[in-house]
Amino acid sequence: MSETTDQFKRKPRRKPERGRRLTVSAEQKAAYEALLREKEQREAYTKHLPADAKPR
C-alpha cells in the first residue's frame, strides 16, 4: 500500500502555441472593418429593443 501511483499527479503544463501571422490585402482589411462596424451598429440597435415576452 506504500506504492505511489501516477493516478493523482498533475500533468505537465503544455507550452502555449505561437500565434500565426496573416497578411491581408488592404481591400480585405477595409471589408473586414466595415463588417465589424455593421455588426456593432446592429448590436447597438438591438440593445434598445424590448426583450421578447416569454409565455408563462
PDB file of N, CA and C in Angstrom:
ATOM      1  N   MET A   1       0.812  -1.193   0.000  1.00  0.00           N
ATOM      2  CA  MET A   1       0.000   0.000   0.000  1.00  0.00           C
ATOM      3  C   MET A   1       0.863   1.268   0.000  1.00  0.00           C
ATOM      4  N   SER A   2       2.142   1.138   0.206  1.00  0.00           N
ATOM      5  CA  SER A   2       3.001   2.310   0.252  1.00  0.00           C
ATOM      6  C   SER A   2       3.480   2.705  -1.145  1.00  0.00           C
ATOM      7  N   GLU A   3       3.013   2.009  -2.171  1.00  0.00           N
ATOM      8  CA  GLU A   3       3.415   2.340  -3.531  1.00  0.00           C
ATOM      9  C   GLU A   3       2.715   3.630  -3.975  1.00  0.00           C
ATOM     10  N   THR A   4       3.466   4.503  -4.643  1.00  0.00           N
ATOM     11  CA  THR A   4       2.859   5.733  -5.155  1.00  0.00           C
ATOM     12  C   THR A   4       2.456   5.503  -6.608  1.00  0.00           C
ATOM     13  N   THR A   5       1.318   5.984  -6.933  1.00  0.00           N
ATOM     14  CA  THR A   5       0.828   5.830  -8.308  1.00  0.00           C
ATOM     15  C   THR A   5       0.787   7.195  -8.974  1.00  0.00           C
ATOM     16  N   ASP A   6       0.743   7.177 -10.263  1.00  0.00           N
ATOM     17  CA  ASP A   6       0.676   8.425 -11.028  1.00  0.00           C
ATOM     18  C   ASP A   6      -0.765   8.865 -11.245  1.00  0.00           C
ATOM     19  N   GLN A   7      -1.679   8.216 -10.592  1.00  0.00           N
ATOM     20  CA  GLN A   7      -3.088   8.489 -10.824  1.00  0.00           C
ATOM     21  C   GLN A   7      -3.465   9.917 -10.439  1.00  0.00           C
ATOM     22  N   PHE A   8      -2.925  10.435  -9.357  1.00  0.00           N
ATOM     23  CA  PHE A   8      -3.349  11.751  -8.880  1.00  0.00           C
ATOM     24  C   PHE A   8      -2.313  12.835  -9.134  1.00  0.00           C
ATOM     25  N   LYS A   9      -1.310  12.555  -9.913  1.00  0.00           N
ATOM     26  CA  LYS A   9      -0.304  13.569 -10.210  1.00  0.00           C
ATOM     27  C   LYS A   9      -0.807  14.463 -11.336  1.00  0.00           C
ATOM     28  N   ARG A  10      -0.396  15.716 -11.283  1.00  0.00           N
ATOM     29  CA  ARG A  10      -0.805  16.653 -12.328  1.00  0.00           C
ATOM     30  C   ARG A  10       0.018  16.437 -13.587  1.00  0.00           C
ATOM     31  N   LYS A  11      -0.633  16.717 -14.700  1.00  0.00           N
ATOM     32  CA  LYS A  11       0.069  16.633 -15.973  1.00  0.00           C
ATOM     33  C   LYS A  11       0.974  17.850 -16.108  1.00  0.00           C
ATOM     34  N   PRO A  12       2.088  17.726 -16.800  1.00  0.00           N
ATOM     35  CA  PRO A  12       2.941  18.903 -17.011  1.00  0.00           C
ATOM     36  C   PRO A  12       2.215  19.907 -17.915  1.00  0.00           C
ATOM     37  N   ARG A  13       2.463  21.184 -17.679  1.00  0.00           N
ATOM     38  CA  ARG A  13       1.800  22.216 -18.482  1.00  0.00           C
ATOM     39  C   ARG A  13       2.303  22.180 -19.918  1.00  0.00           C
ATOM     40  N   ARG A  14       1.368  22.404 -20.827  1.00  0.00           N
ATOM     41  CA  ARG A  14       1.731  22.455 -22.237  1.00  0.00           C
ATOM     42  C   ARG A  14       2.217  23.849 -22.582  1.00  0.00           C
ATOM     43  N   LYS A  15       3.169  23.937 -23.461  1.00  0.00           N
ATOM     44  CA  LYS A  15       3.649  25.236 -23.907  1.00  0.00           C
ATOM     45  C   LYS A  15       2.572  25.865 -24.789  1.00  0.00           C
ATOM     46  N   PRO A  16       2.296  27.154 -24.614  1.00  0.00           N
ATOM     47  CA  PRO A  16       1.273  27.775 -25.467  1.00  0.00           C
ATOM     48  C   PRO A  16       1.753  27.838 -26.915  1.00  0.00           C
ATOM     49  N   GLU A  17       0.809  27.640 -27.808  1.00  0.00           N
ATOM     50  CA  GLU A  17       1.158  27.692 -29.224  1.00  0.00           C
ATOM     51  C   GLU A  17       1.395  29.134 -29.640  1.00  0.00           C
ATOM     52  N   ARG A  18       2.322  29.311 -30.524  1.00  0.00           N
ATOM     53  CA  ARG A  18       2.602  30.654 -31.011  1.00  0.00           C
ATOM     54  C   ARG A  18       1.494  31.099 -31.956  1.00  0.00           C
ATOM     55  N   GLY A  19       1.173  32.361 -31.911  1.00  0.00           N
ATOM     56  CA  GLY A  19       0.145  32.896 -32.804  1.00  0.00           C
ATOM     57  C   GLY A  19       0.630  32.893 -34.244  1.00  0.00           C
ATOM     58  N   ARG A  20      -0.287  32.733 -35.151  1.00  0.00           N
ATOM     59  CA  ARG A  20       0.068  32.719 -36.562  1.00  0.00           C
ATOM     60  C   ARG A  20      -0.145  34.096 -37.148  1.00  0.00           C
ATOM     61  N   ARG A  21       0.784  34.524 -37.938  1.00  0.00           N
ATOM     62  CA  ARG A  21       0.662  35.830 -38.592  1.00  0.00           C
ATOM     63  C   ARG A  21      -0.004  35.642 -39.944  1.00  0.00           C
ATOM     64  N   LEU A  22      -0.821  36.619 -40.276  1.00  0.00           N
ATOM     65  CA  LEU A  22      -1.575  36.534 -41.502  1.00  0.00           C
ATOM     66  C   LEU A  22      -1.439  37.851 -42.248  1.00  0.00           C
ATOM     67  N   THR A  23      -1.089  37.802 -43.507  1.00  0.00           N
ATOM     68  CA  THR A  23      -1.006  39.017 -44.303  1.00  0.00           C
ATOM     69  C   THR A  23      -2.292  39.151 -45.108  1.00  0.00           C
ATOM     70  N   VAL A  24      -2.881  40.332 -45.015  1.00  0.00           N
ATOM     71  CA  VAL A  24      -4.165  40.579 -45.649  1.00  0.00           C
ATOM     72  C   VAL A  24      -4.034  41.818 -46.519  1.00  0.00           C
ATOM     73  N   SER A  25      -4.667  41.790 -47.665  1.00  0.00           N
ATOM     74  CA  SER A  25      -4.622  42.956 -48.549  1.00  0.00           C
ATOM     75  C   SER A  25      -5.417  44.103 -47.936  1.00  0.00           C
ATOM     76  N   ALA A  26      -5.163  45.300 -48.421  1.00  0.00           N
ATOM     77  CA  ALA A  26      -5.844  46.490 -47.905  1.00  0.00           C
ATOM     78  C   ALA A  26      -7.348  46.417 -48.153  1.00  0.00           C
ATOM     79  N   GLU A  27      -7.740  45.833 -49.296  1.00  0.00           N
ATOM     80  CA  GLU A  27      -9.169  45.711 -49.616  1.00  0.00           C
ATOM     81  C   GLU A  27      -9.866  44.784 -48.629  1.00  0.00           C
ATOM     82  N   GLN A  28      -9.237  43.651 -48.330  1.00  0.00           N
ATOM     83  CA  GLN A  28      -9.825  42.705 -47.397  1.00  0.00           C
ATOM     84  C   GLN A  28      -9.898  43.308 -45.994  1.00  0.00           C
ATOM     85  N   LYS A  29      -8.879  44.066 -45.623  1.00  0.00           N
ATOM     86  CA  LYS A  29      -8.859  44.705 -44.309  1.00  0.00           C
ATOM     87  C   LYS A  29     -10.000  45.723 -44.193  1.00  0.00           C
ATOM     88  N   ALA A  30     -10.206  46.514 -45.243  1.00  0.00           N
ATOM     89  CA  ALA A  30     -11.284  47.503 -45.239  1.00  0.00           C
ATOM     90  C   ALA A  30     -12.648  46.809 -45.186  1.00  0.00           C
ATOM     91  N   ALA A  31     -12.796  45.705 -45.918  1.00  0.00           N
ATOM     92  CA  ALA A  31     -14.066  44.975 -45.910  1.00  0.00           C
ATOM     93  C   ALA A  31     -14.334  44.402 -44.524  1.00  0.00           C
ATOM     94  N   TYR A  32     -13.312  43.907 -43.861  1.00  0.00           N
ATOM     95  CA  TYR A  32     -13.477  43.341 -42.517  1.00  0.00           C
ATOM     96  C   TYR A  32     -13.854  44.434 -41.517  1.00  0.00           C
ATOM     97  N   GLU A  33     -13.210  45.598 -41.628  1.00  0.00           N
ATOM     98  CA  GLU A  33     -13.550  46.716 -40.739  1.00  0.00           C
ATOM     99  C   GLU A  33     -15.001  47.153 -40.953  1.00  0.00           C
ATOM    100  N   ALA A  34     -15.448  47.200 -42.206  1.00  0.00           N
ATOM    101  CA  ALA A  34     -16.832  47.574 -42.499  1.00  0.00           C
ATOM    102  C   ALA A  34     -17.795  46.543 -41.913  1.00  0.00           C
ATOM    103  N   LEU A  35     -17.442  45.277 -42.007  1.00  0.00           N
ATOM    104  CA  LEU A  35     -18.273  44.213 -41.445  1.00  0.00           C
ATOM    105  C   LEU A  35     -18.391  44.360 -39.929  1.00  0.00           C
ATOM    106  N   LEU A  36     -17.279  44.678 -39.279  1.00  0.00           N
ATOM    107  CA  LEU A  36     -17.307  44.878 -37.826  1.00  0.00           C
ATOM    108  C   LEU A  36     -18.150  46.097 -37.448  1.00  0.00           C
ATOM    109  N   ARG A  37     -18.050  47.160 -38.235  1.00  0.00           N
ATOM    110  CA  ARG A  37     -18.857  48.350 -37.955  1.00  0.00           C
ATOM    111  C   ARG A  37     -20.345  48.041 -38.076  1.00  0.00           C
ATOM    112  N   GLU A  38     -20.721  47.292 -39.118  1.00  0.00           N
ATOM    113  CA  GLU A  38     -22.124  46.903 -39.297  1.00  0.00           C
ATOM    114  C   GLU A  38     -22.612  46.072 -38.114  1.00  0.00           C
ATOM    115  N   LYS A  39     -21.777  45.156 -37.665  1.00  0.00           N
ATOM    116  CA  LYS A  39     -22.146  44.306 -36.535  1.00  0.00           C
ATOM    117  C   LYS A  39     -22.347  45.140 -35.275  1.00  0.00           C
ATOM    118  N   GLU A  40     -21.447  46.098 -35.032  1.00  0.00           N
ATOM    119  CA  GLU A  40     -21.577  46.964 -33.857  1.00  0.00           C
ATOM    120  C   GLU A  40     -22.856  47.801 -33.934  1.00  0.00           C
ATOM    121  N   GLN A  41     -23.176  48.297 -35.126  1.00  0.00           N
ATOM    122  CA  GLN A  41     -24.398  49.089 -35.288  1.00  0.00           C
ATOM    123  C   GLN A  41     -25.630  48.234 -35.029  1.00  0.00           C
ATOM    124  N   ARG A  42     -25.631  46.994 -35.539  1.00  0.00           N
ATOM    125  CA  ARG A  42     -26.756  46.093 -35.308  1.00  0.00           C
ATOM    126  C   ARG A  42     -26.923  45.800 -33.828  1.00  0.00           C
ATOM    127  N   GLU A  43     -25.812  45.544 -33.136  1.00  0.00           N
ATOM    128  CA  GLU A  43     -25.881  45.246 -31.704  1.00  0.00           C
ATOM    129  C   GLU A  43     -26.368  46.456 -30.919  1.00  0.00           C
ATOM    130  N   ALA A  44     -25.913  47.653 -31.315  1.00  0.00           N
ATOM    131  CA  ALA A  44     -26.350  48.869 -30.630  1.00  0.00           C
ATOM    132  C   ALA A  44     -27.849  49.093 -30.842  1.00  0.00           C
ATOM    133  N   TYR A  45     -28.345  48.766 -32.043  1.00  0.00           N
ATOM    134  CA  TYR A  45     -29.760  48.938 -32.346  1.00  0.00           C
ATOM    135  C   TYR A  45     -30.604  47.941 -31.548  1.00  0.00           C
ATOM    136  N   THR A  46     -30.185  46.689 -31.534  1.00  0.00           N
ATOM    137  CA  THR A  46     -30.987  45.665 -30.853  1.00  0.00           C
ATOM    138  C   THR A  46     -30.894  45.777 -29.336  1.00  0.00           C
ATOM    139  N   LYS A  47     -29.893  46.463 -28.828  1.00  0.00           N
ATOM    140  CA  LYS A  47     -29.745  46.608 -27.383  1.00  0.00           C
ATOM    141  C   LYS A  47     -30.907  47.407 -26.796  1.00  0.00           C
ATOM    142  N   HIS A  48     -31.448  48.348 -27.574  1.00  0.00           N
ATOM    143  CA  HIS A  48     -32.508  49.211 -27.066  1.00  0.00           C
ATOM    144  C   HIS A  48     -33.908  48.655 -27.336  1.00  0.00           C
ATOM    145  N   LEU A  49     -34.011  47.554 -28.055  1.00  0.00           N
ATOM    146  CA  LEU A  49     -35.315  46.958 -28.315  1.00  0.00           C
ATOM    147  C   LEU A  49     -35.781  46.180 -27.088  1.00  0.00           C
ATOM    148  N   PRO A  50     -37.085  46.129 -26.858  1.00  0.00           N
ATOM    149  CA  PRO A  50     -37.570  45.344 -25.712  1.00  0.00           C
ATOM    150  C   PRO A  50     -37.345  43.861 -25.929  1.00  0.00           C
ATOM    151  N   ALA A  51     -37.133  43.150 -24.869  1.00  0.00           N
ATOM    152  CA  ALA A  51     -36.912  41.712 -24.951  1.00  0.00           C
ATOM    153  C   ALA A  51     -38.216  41.020 -25.339  1.00  0.00           C
ATOM    154  N   ASP A  52     -38.117  39.879 -25.954  1.00  0.00           N
ATOM    155  CA  ASP A  52     -39.312  39.111 -26.326  1.00  0.00           C
ATOM    156  C   ASP A  52     -40.042  38.668 -25.059  1.00  0.00           C
ATOM    157  N   ALA A  53     -41.351  38.798 -25.109  1.00  0.00           N
ATOM    158  CA  ALA A  53     -42.157  38.377 -23.956  1.00  0.00           C
ATOM    159  C   ALA A  53     -42.167  36.857 -23.897  1.00  0.00           C
ATOM    160  N   LYS A  54     -41.836  36.311 -22.759  1.00  0.00           N
ATOM    161  CA  LYS A  54     -41.809  34.858 -22.598  1.00  0.00           C
ATOM    162  C   LYS A  54     -43.196  34.382 -22.140  1.00  0.00           C
ATOM    163  N   PRO A  55     -43.748  33.377 -22.811  1.00  0.00           N
ATOM    164  CA  PRO A  55     -45.062  32.866 -22.371  1.00  0.00           C
ATOM    165  C   PRO A  55     -44.941  32.133 -21.040  1.00  0.00           C
ATOM    166  N   ARG A  56     -45.968  32.229 -20.267  1.00  0.00           N
ATOM    167  CA  ARG A  56     -45.945  31.579 -18.946  1.00  0.00           C
ATOM    168  C   ARG A  56     -46.465  30.189 -19.003  1.00  0.00           C
TER     169      ARG A  56
END
